[in-house]
Amino acid sequence: SLRELAEKEKGGVQVVEIDADAYPALANDYNLTKVPTTIFYTEGIKLRSIEGAYTADSLQRHLHNLLTQDEQKN
């Protein structure tokens, strides 16, 4: 779903995957306690994290809602 979202956003979204089993220290740094966890960032600032599996369309709605809220704050 994340790769599909990145394709839909035509390069406007960067996806980074962490294998929590292979890199437990890194997973710990990001407080990843459940798999899958999706964390949304903009310009290095964490906006929100969500746990569980989502479709690309659902992730896209989350992303756009977060970015709209962020724009309204500025």
Protein backbone atom coordinates (compact mmCIF):
# COMPACT_ATOMS: atom_id res chain seq x y z
CA SER A 1 0.00 0.00 0.00
CA LEU A 2 2.83 2.41 0.77
CA ARG A 3 4.53 1.82 -2.57
CA GLU A 4 1.20 2.29 -4.32
CA LEU A 5 0.69 5.56 -2.43
CA ALA A 6 4.13 6.78 -3.49
CA GLU A 7 3.25 6.00 -7.11
CA LYS A 8 -0.08 7.85 -6.83
CA GLU A 9 1.67 10.89 -5.37
CA LYS A 10 4.12 10.92 -8.31
CA GLY A 11 7.27 11.45 -6.26
CA GLY A 12 5.65 13.73 -3.67
CA VAL A 13 5.89 11.01 -1.04
CA GLN A 14 8.98 9.18 0.12
CA VAL A 15 8.54 5.74 1.64
CA VAL A 16 11.09 4.26 4.02
CA GLU A 17 10.59 0.73 5.33
CA ILE A 18 12.17 -0.60 8.52
CA ASP A 19 12.39 -4.32 9.14
CA ALA A 20 11.81 -4.29 12.89
CA ASP A 21 13.06 -7.87 13.26
CA ALA A 22 16.31 -7.21 11.41
CA TYR A 23 16.92 -3.78 12.99
CA PRO A 24 15.41 -3.83 16.50
CA ALA A 25 17.49 -0.87 17.73
CA LEU A 26 16.23 1.31 14.87
CA ALA A 27 12.67 0.16 15.48
CA ASN A 28 13.14 1.07 19.13
CA ASP A 29 14.44 4.55 18.16
CA TYR A 30 11.13 5.14 16.36
CA ASN A 31 9.06 3.49 19.13
CA LEU A 32 7.77 0.85 16.73
CA THR A 33 5.92 -1.60 18.95
CA LYS A 34 3.37 -2.91 16.46
CA VAL A 35 3.75 -4.04 12.87
CA PRO A 36 2.83 -2.45 10.60
CA THR A 37 3.18 1.11 11.83
CA THR A 38 3.09 4.06 9.44
CA ILE A 39 4.62 7.36 10.51
CA PHE A 40 3.90 10.53 8.59
CA TYR A 41 6.54 13.28 8.52
CA THR A 42 6.74 16.60 6.74
CA GLU A 43 10.00 18.50 6.56
CA GLY A 44 11.44 16.28 9.30
CA ILE A 45 8.56 16.89 11.71
CA LYS A 46 6.49 13.92 12.84
CA LEU A 47 2.81 14.56 12.16
CA ARG A 48 1.22 11.31 13.25
CA SER A 49 1.67 7.56 13.45
CA ILE A 50 -0.95 4.93 12.75
CA GLU A 51 -0.86 1.23 13.46
CA GLY A 52 -2.33 -1.50 11.31
CA ALA A 53 -2.68 -2.28 7.64
CA TYR A 54 -4.31 0.32 5.40
CA THR A 55 -5.08 0.54 1.70
CA ALA A 56 -3.24 3.05 -0.46
CA ASP A 57 -6.43 5.12 -0.75
CA SER A 58 -6.86 5.21 3.02
CA LEU A 59 -3.22 6.22 3.52
CA GLN A 60 -3.63 8.93 0.89
CA ARG A 61 -6.65 10.34 2.77
CA HIS A 62 -4.67 10.31 6.04
CA LEU A 63 -1.78 12.08 4.35
CA HIS A 64 -3.90 14.77 2.73
CA ASN A 65 -5.85 15.38 5.94
CA LEU A 66 -2.61 15.78 7.88
CA LEU A 67 -1.11 18.14 5.32
CA THR A 68 -4.30 20.21 5.21
CA GLN A 69 -4.30 20.49 9.02
CA ASP A 70 -0.61 21.45 8.96
CA GLU A 71 -1.23 24.19 6.35
CA GLN A 72 -4.11 25.60 8.40
CA LYS A 73 -1.81 25.96 11.43
CA ASN A 74 0.60 28.15 9.45
